[in-house]
mmCIF file of all heavy atoms, coordinates in Angstrom:
data_MODEL
# 
_entry.id   MODEL 
# 
loop_
_atom_site.group_PDB 
_atom_site.id 
_atom_site.type_symbol 
_atom_site.label_atom_id 
_atom_site.label_alt_id 
_atom_site.label_comp_id 
_atom_site.label_asym_id 
_atom_site.label_entity_id 
_atom_site.label_seq_id 
_atom_site.pdbx_PDB_ins_code 
_atom_site.Cartn_x 
_atom_site.Cartn_y 
_atom_site.Cartn_z 
_atom_site.occupancy 
_atom_site.B_iso_or_equiv 
_atom_site.pdbx_formal_charge 
_atom_site.auth_seq_id 
_atom_site.auth_comp_id 
_atom_site.auth_asym_id 
_atom_site.auth_atom_id 
_atom_site.pdbx_PDB_model_num 
ATOM 1   N N   . LEU A 1 1  ? 396.653 78.017 154.561 1.00 0.00 ? 1  LEU A N   1 
ATOM 2   C CA  . LEU A 1 1  ? 395.597 77.558 155.453 1.00 0.00 ? 1  LEU A CA  1 
ATOM 3   C C   . LEU A 1 1  ? 395.955 77.805 156.923 1.00 0.00 ? 1  LEU A C   1 
ATOM 4   O O   . LEU A 1 1  ? 395.081 78.105 157.734 1.00 0.00 ? 1  LEU A O   1 
ATOM 5   C CB  . LEU A 1 1  ? 395.303 76.085 155.207 1.00 0.00 ? 1  LEU A CB  1 
ATOM 6   C CG  . LEU A 1 1  ? 394.649 75.766 153.859 1.00 0.00 ? 1  LEU A CG  1 
ATOM 7   C CD1 . LEU A 1 1  ? 394.555 74.260 153.660 1.00 0.00 ? 1  LEU A CD1 1 
ATOM 8   C CD2 . LEU A 1 1  ? 393.272 76.395 153.750 1.00 0.00 ? 1  LEU A CD2 1 
ATOM 9   N N   . ASN A 1 2  ? 397.228 77.687 157.242 1.00 0.00 ? 2  ASN A N   1 
ATOM 10  C CA  . ASN A 1 2  ? 397.646 77.952 158.624 1.00 0.00 ? 2  ASN A CA  1 
ATOM 11  C C   . ASN A 1 2  ? 397.429 79.404 159.019 1.00 0.00 ? 2  ASN A C   1 
ATOM 12  O O   . ASN A 1 2  ? 397.228 79.717 160.202 1.00 0.00 ? 2  ASN A O   1 
ATOM 13  C CB  . ASN A 1 2  ? 399.120 77.591 158.811 1.00 0.00 ? 2  ASN A CB  1 
ATOM 14  C CG  . ASN A 1 2  ? 399.325 76.137 159.196 1.00 0.00 ? 2  ASN A CG  1 
ATOM 15  O OD1 . ASN A 1 2  ? 398.516 75.556 159.891 1.00 0.00 ? 2  ASN A OD1 1 
ATOM 16  N ND2 . ASN A 1 2  ? 400.411 75.549 158.711 1.00 0.00 ? 2  ASN A ND2 1 
ATOM 17  N N   . GLU A 1 3  ? 397.486 80.309 158.056 1.00 0.00 ? 3  GLU A N   1 
ATOM 18  C CA  . GLU A 1 3  ? 397.332 81.733 158.344 1.00 0.00 ? 3  GLU A CA  1 
ATOM 19  C C   . GLU A 1 3  ? 395.871 82.148 158.485 1.00 0.00 ? 3  GLU A C   1 
ATOM 20  O O   . GLU A 1 3  ? 395.578 83.270 158.894 1.00 0.00 ? 3  GLU A O   1 
ATOM 21  C CB  . GLU A 1 3  ? 398.021 82.559 157.256 1.00 0.00 ? 3  GLU A CB  1 
ATOM 22  C CG  . GLU A 1 3  ? 399.546 82.465 157.329 1.00 0.00 ? 3  GLU A CG  1 
ATOM 23  C CD  . GLU A 1 3  ? 400.229 83.091 156.136 1.00 0.00 ? 3  GLU A CD  1 
ATOM 24  O OE1 . GLU A 1 3  ? 399.506 83.626 155.250 1.00 0.00 ? 3  GLU A OE1 1 
ATOM 25  O OE2 . GLU A 1 3  ? 401.459 83.039 156.073 1.00 0.00 ? 3  GLU A OE2 1 
ATOM 26  N N   . ILE A 1 4  ? 394.937 81.263 158.145 1.00 0.00 ? 4  ILE A N   1 
ATOM 27  C CA  . ILE A 1 4  ? 393.521 81.567 158.334 1.00 0.00 ? 4  ILE A CA  1 
ATOM 28  C C   . ILE A 1 4  ? 393.161 81.277 159.792 1.00 0.00 ? 4  ILE A C   1 
ATOM 29  O O   . ILE A 1 4  ? 393.086 80.126 160.209 1.00 0.00 ? 4  ILE A O   1 
ATOM 30  C CB  . ILE A 1 4  ? 392.630 80.738 157.398 1.00 0.00 ? 4  ILE A CB  1 
ATOM 31  C CG1 . ILE A 1 4  ? 392.910 81.091 155.939 1.00 0.00 ? 4  ILE A CG1 1 
ATOM 32  C CG2 . ILE A 1 4  ? 391.149 80.984 157.714 1.00 0.00 ? 4  ILE A CG2 1 
ATOM 33  C CD1 . ILE A 1 4  ? 392.122 80.257 154.934 1.00 0.00 ? 4  ILE A CD1 1 
ATOM 34  N N   . MET A 1 5  ? 392.922 82.331 160.561 1.00 0.00 ? 5  MET A N   1 
ATOM 35  C CA  . MET A 1 5  ? 392.550 82.170 161.962 1.00 0.00 ? 5  MET A CA  1 
ATOM 36  C C   . MET A 1 5  ? 391.037 82.215 162.150 1.00 0.00 ? 5  MET A C   1 
ATOM 37  O O   . MET A 1 5  ? 390.501 81.645 163.092 1.00 0.00 ? 5  MET A O   1 
ATOM 38  C CB  . MET A 1 5  ? 393.214 83.253 162.812 1.00 0.00 ? 5  MET A CB  1 
ATOM 39  C CG  . MET A 1 5  ? 394.738 83.255 162.716 1.00 0.00 ? 5  MET A CG  1 
ATOM 40  S SD  . MET A 1 5  ? 395.490 81.623 162.989 1.00 0.00 ? 5  MET A SD  1 
ATOM 41  C CE  . MET A 1 5  ? 395.013 81.310 164.679 1.00 0.00 ? 5  MET A CE  1 
ATOM 42  N N   . SER A 1 6  ? 390.349 82.912 161.252 1.00 0.00 ? 6  SER A N   1 
ATOM 43  C CA  . SER A 1 6  ? 388.889 82.894 161.244 1.00 0.00 ? 6  SER A CA  1 
ATOM 44  C C   . SER A 1 6  ? 388.413 83.101 159.816 1.00 0.00 ? 6  SER A C   1 
ATOM 45  O O   . SER A 1 6  ? 389.130 83.666 158.980 1.00 0.00 ? 6  SER A O   1 
ATOM 46  C CB  . SER A 1 6  ? 388.304 83.985 162.160 1.00 0.00 ? 6  SER A CB  1 
ATOM 47  O OG  . SER A 1 6  ? 388.478 85.273 161.580 1.00 0.00 ? 6  SER A OG  1 
ATOM 48  N N   . LEU A 1 7  ? 387.210 82.632 159.539 1.00 0.00 ? 7  LEU A N   1 
ATOM 49  C CA  . LEU A 1 7  ? 386.652 82.749 158.197 1.00 0.00 ? 7  LEU A CA  1 
ATOM 50  C C   . LEU A 1 7  ? 385.138 82.832 158.306 1.00 0.00 ? 7  LEU A C   1 
ATOM 51  O O   . LEU A 1 7  ? 384.519 82.072 159.044 1.00 0.00 ? 7  LEU A O   1 
ATOM 52  C CB  . LEU A 1 7  ? 387.062 81.541 157.339 1.00 0.00 ? 7  LEU A CB  1 
ATOM 53  C CG  . LEU A 1 7  ? 386.750 81.565 155.844 1.00 0.00 ? 7  LEU A CG  1 
ATOM 54  C CD1 . LEU A 1 7  ? 387.753 80.689 155.089 1.00 0.00 ? 7  LEU A CD1 1 
ATOM 55  C CD2 . LEU A 1 7  ? 385.337 81.082 155.537 1.00 0.00 ? 7  LEU A CD2 1 
ATOM 56  N N   . GLN A 1 8  ? 384.559 83.787 157.575 1.00 0.00 ? 8  GLN A N   1 
ATOM 57  C CA  . GLN A 1 8  ? 383.114 83.907 157.440 1.00 0.00 ? 8  GLN A CA  1 
ATOM 58  C C   . GLN A 1 8  ? 382.791 83.864 155.956 1.00 0.00 ? 8  GLN A C   1 
ATOM 59  O O   . GLN A 1 8  ? 383.476 84.489 155.146 1.00 0.00 ? 8  GLN A O   1 
ATOM 60  C CB  . GLN A 1 8  ? 382.609 85.227 158.013 1.00 0.00 ? 8  GLN A CB  1 
ATOM 61  C CG  . GLN A 1 8  ? 383.005 85.493 159.442 1.00 0.00 ? 8  GLN A CG  1 
ATOM 62  C CD  . GLN A 1 8  ? 382.614 86.891 159.880 1.00 0.00 ? 8  GLN A CD  1 
ATOM 63  O OE1 . GLN A 1 8  ? 381.430 87.241 159.882 1.00 0.00 ? 8  GLN A OE1 1 
ATOM 64  N NE2 . GLN A 1 8  ? 383.592 87.700 160.243 1.00 0.00 ? 8  GLN A NE2 1 
ATOM 65  N N   . ALA A 1 9  ? 381.734 83.153 155.580 1.00 0.00 ? 9  ALA A N   1 
ATOM 66  C CA  . ALA A 1 9  ? 381.383 83.070 154.167 1.00 0.00 ? 9  ALA A CA  1 
ATOM 67  C C   . ALA A 1 9  ? 379.974 82.517 154.015 1.00 0.00 ? 9  ALA A C   1 
ATOM 68  O O   . ALA A 1 9  ? 379.429 81.882 154.919 1.00 0.00 ? 9  ALA A O   1 
ATOM 69  C CB  . ALA A 1 9  ? 382.370 82.166 153.418 1.00 0.00 ? 9  ALA A CB  1 
ATOM 70  N N   . SER A 1 10 ? 379.396 82.753 152.855 1.00 0.00 ? 10 SER A N   1 
ATOM 71  C CA  . SER A 1 10 ? 378.218 81.997 152.435 1.00 0.00 ? 10 SER A CA  1 
ATOM 72  C C   . SER A 1 10 ? 378.728 80.808 151.624 1.00 0.00 ? 10 SER A C   1 
ATOM 73  O O   . SER A 1 10 ? 379.862 80.827 151.126 1.00 0.00 ? 10 SER A O   1 
ATOM 74  C CB  . SER A 1 10 ? 377.289 82.870 151.582 1.00 0.00 ? 10 SER A CB  1 
ATOM 75  O OG  . SER A 1 10 ? 377.968 83.356 150.432 1.00 0.00 ? 10 SER A OG  1 
ATOM 76  N N   . PHE A 1 11 ? 377.921 79.762 151.525 1.00 0.00 ? 11 PHE A N   1 
ATOM 77  C CA  . PHE A 1 11 ? 378.375 78.600 150.761 1.00 0.00 ? 11 PHE A CA  1 
ATOM 78  C C   . PHE A 1 11 ? 377.223 77.993 149.966 1.00 0.00 ? 11 PHE A C   1 
ATOM 79  O O   . PHE A 1 11 ? 376.047 78.151 150.298 1.00 0.00 ? 11 PHE A O   1 
ATOM 80  C CB  . PHE A 1 11 ? 378.999 77.530 151.669 1.00 0.00 ? 11 PHE A CB  1 
ATOM 81  C CG  . PHE A 1 11 ? 378.003 76.745 152.471 1.00 0.00 ? 11 PHE A CG  1 
ATOM 82  C CD1 . PHE A 1 11 ? 377.413 75.599 151.955 1.00 0.00 ? 11 PHE A CD1 1 
ATOM 83  C CD2 . PHE A 1 11 ? 377.640 77.146 153.750 1.00 0.00 ? 11 PHE A CD2 1 
ATOM 84  C CE1 . PHE A 1 11 ? 376.479 74.875 152.688 1.00 0.00 ? 11 PHE A CE1 1 
ATOM 85  C CE2 . PHE A 1 11 ? 376.720 76.435 154.493 1.00 0.00 ? 11 PHE A CE2 1 
ATOM 86  C CZ  . PHE A 1 11 ? 376.131 75.298 153.958 1.00 0.00 ? 11 PHE A CZ  1 
ATOM 87  N N   . GLU A 1 12 ? 377.606 77.304 148.910 1.00 0.00 ? 12 GLU A N   1 
ATOM 88  C CA  . GLU A 1 12 ? 376.693 76.470 148.133 1.00 0.00 ? 12 GLU A CA  1 
ATOM 89  C C   . GLU A 1 12 ? 377.323 75.091 148.012 1.00 0.00 ? 12 GLU A C   1 
ATOM 90  O O   . GLU A 1 12 ? 378.515 74.979 147.711 1.00 0.00 ? 12 GLU A O   1 
ATOM 91  C CB  . GLU A 1 12 ? 376.442 77.059 146.745 1.00 0.00 ? 12 GLU A CB  1 
ATOM 92  C CG  . GLU A 1 12 ? 375.710 78.384 146.763 1.00 0.00 ? 12 GLU A CG  1 
ATOM 93  C CD  . GLU A 1 12 ? 375.435 78.909 145.357 1.00 0.00 ? 12 GLU A CD  1 
ATOM 94  O OE1 . GLU A 1 12 ? 376.072 78.402 144.403 1.00 0.00 ? 12 GLU A OE1 1 
ATOM 95  O OE2 . GLU A 1 12 ? 374.594 79.807 145.215 1.00 0.00 ? 12 GLU A OE2 1 
ATOM 96  N N   . GLN A 1 13 ? 376.536 74.064 148.268 1.00 0.00 ? 13 GLN A N   1 
ATOM 97  C CA  . GLN A 1 13 ? 377.031 72.694 148.153 1.00 0.00 ? 13 GLN A CA  1 
ATOM 98  C C   . GLN A 1 13 ? 376.231 71.953 147.093 1.00 0.00 ? 13 GLN A C   1 
ATOM 99  O O   . GLN A 1 13 ? 374.987 71.946 147.125 1.00 0.00 ? 13 GLN A O   1 
ATOM 100 C CB  . GLN A 1 13 ? 376.903 71.962 149.492 1.00 0.00 ? 13 GLN A CB  1 
ATOM 101 C CG  . GLN A 1 13 ? 377.313 70.487 149.399 1.00 0.00 ? 13 GLN A CG  1 
ATOM 102 C CD  . GLN A 1 13 ? 377.038 69.752 150.688 1.00 0.00 ? 13 GLN A CD  1 
ATOM 103 O OE1 . GLN A 1 13 ? 377.795 69.861 151.640 1.00 0.00 ? 13 GLN A OE1 1 
ATOM 104 N NE2 . GLN A 1 13 ? 375.953 69.006 150.733 1.00 0.00 ? 13 GLN A NE2 1 
ATOM 105 N N   . ARG A 1 14 ? 376.936 71.317 146.184 1.00 0.00 ? 14 ARG A N   1 
ATOM 106 C CA  . ARG A 1 14 ? 376.303 70.515 145.134 1.00 0.00 ? 14 ARG A CA  1 
ATOM 107 C C   . ARG A 1 14 ? 376.897 69.119 145.151 1.00 0.00 ? 14 ARG A C   1 
ATOM 108 O O   . ARG A 1 14 ? 378.116 68.966 145.264 1.00 0.00 ? 14 ARG A O   1 
ATOM 109 C CB  . ARG A 1 14 ? 376.500 71.157 143.754 1.00 0.00 ? 14 ARG A CB  1 
ATOM 110 C CG  . ARG A 1 14 ? 375.775 72.492 143.590 1.00 0.00 ? 14 ARG A CG  1 
ATOM 111 C CD  . ARG A 1 14 ? 376.135 73.161 142.270 1.00 0.00 ? 14 ARG A CD  1 
ATOM 112 N NE  . ARG A 1 14 ? 375.351 74.372 142.061 1.00 0.00 ? 14 ARG A NE  1 
ATOM 113 C CZ  . ARG A 1 14 ? 375.674 75.568 142.544 1.00 0.00 ? 14 ARG A CZ  1 
ATOM 114 N NH1 . ARG A 1 14 ? 376.795 75.712 143.263 1.00 0.00 ? 14 ARG A NH1 1 
ATOM 115 N NH2 . ARG A 1 14 ? 374.910 76.621 142.314 1.00 0.00 ? 14 ARG A NH2 1 
ATOM 116 N N   . ILE A 1 15 ? 376.024 68.131 145.055 1.00 0.00 ? 15 ILE A N   1 
ATOM 117 C CA  . ILE A 1 15 ? 376.466 66.743 144.992 1.00 0.00 ? 15 ILE A CA  1 
ATOM 118 C C   . ILE A 1 15 ? 376.129 66.210 143.609 1.00 0.00 ? 15 ILE A C   1 
ATOM 119 O O   . ILE A 1 15 ? 374.994 66.351 143.133 1.00 0.00 ? 15 ILE A O   1 
ATOM 120 C CB  . ILE A 1 15 ? 375.795 65.896 146.079 1.00 0.00 ? 15 ILE A CB  1 
ATOM 121 C CG1 . ILE A 1 15 ? 376.144 66.471 147.470 1.00 0.00 ? 15 ILE A CG1 1 
ATOM 122 C CG2 . ILE A 1 15 ? 376.239 64.438 145.986 1.00 0.00 ? 15 ILE A CG2 1 
ATOM 123 C CD1 . ILE A 1 15 ? 375.436 65.768 148.612 1.00 0.00 ? 15 ILE A CD1 1 
ATOM 124 N N   . PHE A 1 16 ? 377.133 65.609 142.949 1.00 0.00 ? 16 PHE A N   1 
ATOM 125 C CA  . PHE A 1 16 ? 376.975 65.131 141.583 1.00 0.00 ? 16 PHE A CA  1 
ATOM 126 C C   . PHE A 1 16 ? 377.144 63.614 141.523 1.00 0.00 ? 16 PHE A C   1 
ATOM 127 O O   . PHE A 1 16 ? 377.953 63.039 142.258 1.00 0.00 ? 16 PHE A O   1 
ATOM 128 C CB  . PHE A 1 16 ? 378.011 65.781 140.659 1.00 0.00 ? 16 PHE A CB  1 
ATOM 129 C CG  . PHE A 1 16 ? 377.866 67.269 140.518 1.00 0.00 ? 16 PHE A CG  1 
ATOM 130 C CD1 . PHE A 1 16 ? 378.558 68.131 141.350 1.00 0.00 ? 16 PHE A CD1 1 
ATOM 131 C CD2 . PHE A 1 16 ? 377.032 67.805 139.541 1.00 0.00 ? 16 PHE A CD2 1 
ATOM 132 C CE1 . PHE A 1 16 ? 378.427 69.504 141.229 1.00 0.00 ? 16 PHE A CE1 1 
ATOM 133 C CE2 . PHE A 1 16 ? 376.894 69.182 139.413 1.00 0.00 ? 16 PHE A CE2 1 
ATOM 134 C CZ  . PHE A 1 16 ? 377.595 70.033 140.246 1.00 0.00 ? 16 PHE A CZ  1 
ATOM 135 N N   . SER A 1 17 ? 376.392 63.000 140.641 1.00 0.00 ? 17 SER A N   1 
ATOM 136 C CA  . SER A 1 17 ? 376.518 61.564 140.389 1.00 0.00 ? 17 SER A CA  1 
ATOM 137 C C   . SER A 1 17 ? 377.815 61.300 139.623 1.00 0.00 ? 17 SER A C   1 
ATOM 138 O O   . SER A 1 17 ? 378.448 62.238 139.116 1.00 0.00 ? 17 SER A O   1 
ATOM 139 C CB  . SER A 1 17 ? 375.336 61.074 139.564 1.00 0.00 ? 17 SER A CB  1 
ATOM 140 O OG  . SER A 1 17 ? 375.439 61.569 138.233 1.00 0.00 ? 17 SER A OG  1 
ATOM 141 N N   . PRO A 1 18 ? 378.218 60.029 139.501 1.00 0.00 ? 18 PRO A N   1 
ATOM 142 C CA  . PRO A 1 18 ? 379.402 59.714 138.682 1.00 0.00 ? 18 PRO A CA  1 
ATOM 143 C C   . PRO A 1 18 ? 379.263 60.186 137.238 1.00 0.00 ? 18 PRO A C   1 
ATOM 144 O O   . PRO A 1 18 ? 380.273 60.430 136.569 1.00 0.00 ? 18 PRO A O   1 
ATOM 145 C CB  . PRO A 1 18 ? 379.472 58.185 138.768 1.00 0.00 ? 18 PRO A CB  1 
ATOM 146 C CG  . PRO A 1 18 ? 378.853 57.854 140.084 1.00 0.00 ? 18 PRO A CG  1 
ATOM 147 C CD  . PRO A 1 18 ? 377.721 58.843 140.222 1.00 0.00 ? 18 PRO A CD  1 
ATOM 148 N N   . GLU A 1 19 ? 378.018 60.335 136.767 1.00 0.00 ? 19 GLU A N   1 
ATOM 149 C CA  . GLU A 1 19 ? 377.778 60.835 135.406 1.00 0.00 ? 19 GLU A CA  1 
ATOM 150 C C   . GLU A 1 19 ? 377.714 62.363 135.367 1.00 0.00 ? 19 GLU A C   1 
ATOM 151 O O   . GLU A 1 19 ? 377.388 62.953 134.343 1.00 0.00 ? 19 GLU A O   1 
ATOM 152 C CB  . GLU A 1 19 ? 376.483 60.260 134.850 1.00 0.00 ? 19 GLU A CB  1 
ATOM 153 C CG  . GLU A 1 19 ? 376.483 58.748 134.661 1.00 0.00 ? 19 GLU A CG  1 
ATOM 154 C CD  . GLU A 1 19 ? 376.383 57.976 135.974 1.00 0.00 ? 19 GLU A CD  1 
ATOM 155 O OE1 . GLU A 1 19 ? 375.729 58.485 136.916 1.00 0.00 ? 19 GLU A OE1 1 
ATOM 156 O OE2 . GLU A 1 19 ? 377.002 56.879 136.066 1.00 0.00 ? 19 GLU A OE2 1 
ATOM 157 N N   . ASN A 1 20 ? 378.006 62.997 136.521 1.00 0.00 ? 20 ASN A N   1 
ATOM 158 C CA  . ASN A 1 20 ? 378.022 64.453 136.676 1.00 0.00 ? 20 ASN A CA  1 
ATOM 159 C C   . ASN A 1 20 ? 376.631 65.070 136.621 1.00 0.00 ? 20 ASN A C   1 
ATOM 160 O O   . ASN A 1 20 ? 376.469 66.249 136.297 1.00 0.00 ? 20 ASN A O   1 
ATOM 161 C CB  . ASN A 1 20 ? 378.914 65.114 135.616 1.00 0.00 ? 20 ASN A CB  1 
ATOM 162 C CG  . ASN A 1 20 ? 379.495 66.429 136.123 1.00 0.00 ? 20 ASN A CG  1 
ATOM 163 O OD1 . ASN A 1 20 ? 379.835 66.563 137.300 1.00 0.00 ? 20 ASN A OD1 1 
ATOM 164 N ND2 . ASN A 1 20 ? 379.611 67.406 135.233 1.00 0.00 ? 20 ASN A ND2 1 
ATOM 165 N N   . ASP A 1 21 ? 375.607 64.292 136.970 1.00 0.00 ? 21 ASP A N   1 
ATOM 166 C CA  . ASP A 1 21 ? 374.253 64.834 137.109 1.00 0.00 ? 21 ASP A CA  1 
ATOM 167 C C   . ASP A 1 21 ? 374.092 65.383 138.533 1.00 0.00 ? 21 ASP A C   1 
ATOM 168 O O   . ASP A 1 21 ? 374.517 64.753 139.507 1.00 0.00 ? 21 ASP A O   1 
ATOM 169 C CB  . ASP A 1 21 ? 373.204 63.746 136.863 1.00 0.00 ? 21 ASP A CB  1 
ATOM 170 C CG  . ASP A 1 21 ? 373.247 63.202 135.444 1.00 0.00 ? 21 ASP A CG  1 
ATOM 171 O OD1 . ASP A 1 21 ? 373.471 64.005 134.508 1.00 0.00 ? 21 ASP A OD1 1 
ATOM 172 O OD2 . ASP A 1 21 ? 373.065 61.982 135.270 1.00 0.00 ? 21 ASP A OD2 1 
ATOM 173 N N   . LEU A 1 22 ? 373.467 66.550 138.651 1.00 0.00 ? 22 LEU A N   1 
ATOM 174 C CA  . LEU A 1 22 ? 373.230 67.146 139.963 1.00 0.00 ? 22 LEU A CA  1 
ATOM 175 C C   . LEU A 1 22 ? 372.175 66.335 140.707 1.00 0.00 ? 22 LEU A C   1 
ATOM 176 O O   . LEU A 1 22 ? 371.061 66.151 140.217 1.00 0.00 ? 22 LEU A O   1 
ATOM 177 C CB  . LEU A 1 22 ? 372.771 68.592 139.806 1.00 0.00 ? 22 LEU A CB  1 
ATOM 178 C CG  . LEU A 1 22 ? 372.485 69.355 141.102 1.00 0.00 ? 22 LEU A CG  1 
ATOM 179 C CD1 . LEU A 1 22 ? 373.751 69.534 141.924 1.00 0.00 ? 22 LEU A CD1 1 
ATOM 180 C CD2 . LEU A 1 22 ? 371.849 70.719 140.778 1.00 0.00 ? 22 LEU A CD2 1 
ATOM 181 N N   . ILE A 1 23 ? 372.502 65.857 141.903 1.00 0.00 ? 23 ILE A N   1 
ATOM 182 C CA  . ILE A 1 23 ? 371.549 65.040 142.650 1.00 0.00 ? 23 ILE A CA  1 
ATOM 183 C C   . ILE A 1 23 ? 371.141 65.694 143.978 1.00 0.00 ? 23 ILE A C   1 
ATOM 184 O O   . ILE A 1 23 ? 370.176 65.267 144.597 1.00 0.00 ? 23 ILE A O   1 
ATOM 185 C CB  . ILE A 1 23 ? 372.095 63.620 142.914 1.00 0.00 ? 23 ILE A CB  1 
ATOM 186 C CG1 . ILE A 1 23 ? 373.430 63.656 143.654 1.00 0.00 ? 23 ILE A CG1 1 
ATOM 187 C CG2 . ILE A 1 23 ? 372.235 62.861 141.608 1.00 0.00 ? 23 ILE A CG2 1 
ATOM 188 C CD1 . ILE A 1 23 ? 373.981 62.261 143.979 1.00 0.00 ? 23 ILE A CD1 1 
ATOM 189 N N   . ASP A 1 24 ? 371.860 66.733 144.411 1.00 0.00 ? 24 ASP A N   1 
ATOM 190 C CA  . ASP A 1 24 ? 371.462 67.412 145.647 1.00 0.00 ? 24 ASP A CA  1 
ATOM 191 C C   . ASP A 1 24 ? 372.096 68.797 145.674 1.00 0.00 ? 24 ASP A C   1 
ATOM 192 O O   . ASP A 1 24 ? 373.213 69.000 145.175 1.00 0.00 ? 24 ASP A O   1 
ATOM 193 C CB  . ASP A 1 24 ? 371.919 66.615 146.875 1.00 0.00 ? 24 ASP A CB  1 
ATOM 194 C CG  . ASP A 1 24 ? 371.308 67.154 148.164 1.00 0.00 ? 24 ASP A CG  1 
ATOM 195 O OD1 . ASP A 1 24 ? 370.088 67.403 148.172 1.00 0.00 ? 24 ASP A OD1 1 
ATOM 196 O OD2 . ASP A 1 24 ? 372.044 67.340 149.144 1.00 0.00 ? 24 ASP A OD2 1 
ATOM 197 N N   . TYR A 1 25 ? 371.355 69.750 146.258 1.00 0.00 ? 25 TYR A N   1 
ATOM 198 C CA  . TYR A 1 25 ? 371.850 71.127 146.364 1.00 0.00 ? 25 TYR A CA  1 
ATOM 199 C C   . TYR A 1 25 ? 371.454 71.681 147.727 1.00 0.00 ? 25 TYR A C   1 
ATOM 200 O O   . TYR A 1 25 ? 370.351 71.442 148.218 1.00 0.00 ? 25 TYR A O   1 
ATOM 201 C CB  . TYR A 1 25 ? 371.247 72.017 145.275 1.00 0.00 ? 25 TYR A CB  1 
ATOM 202 C CG  . TYR A 1 25 ? 371.540 73.493 145.462 1.00 0.00 ? 25 TYR A CG  1 
ATOM 203 C CD1 . TYR A 1 25 ? 372.739 74.038 145.015 1.00 0.00 ? 25 TYR A CD1 1 
ATOM 204 C CD2 . TYR A 1 25 ? 370.637 74.324 146.131 1.00 0.00 ? 25 TYR A CD2 1 
ATOM 205 C CE1 . TYR A 1 25 ? 373.028 75.380 145.214 1.00 0.00 ? 25 TYR A CE1 1 
ATOM 206 C CE2 . TYR A 1 25 ? 370.925 75.673 146.334 1.00 0.00 ? 25 TYR A CE2 1 
ATOM 207 C CZ  . TYR A 1 25 ? 372.119 76.197 145.868 1.00 0.00 ? 25 TYR A CZ  1 
ATOM 208 O OH  . TYR A 1 25 ? 372.404 77.521 146.073 1.00 0.00 ? 25 TYR A OH  1 
# 
């Protein structure tokens, strides 16, 4: 992580309930 001076990327974020149900994307 220290060697990463810059980073470009696309991302996907998923939020799951305690039962592992998808609740937000």
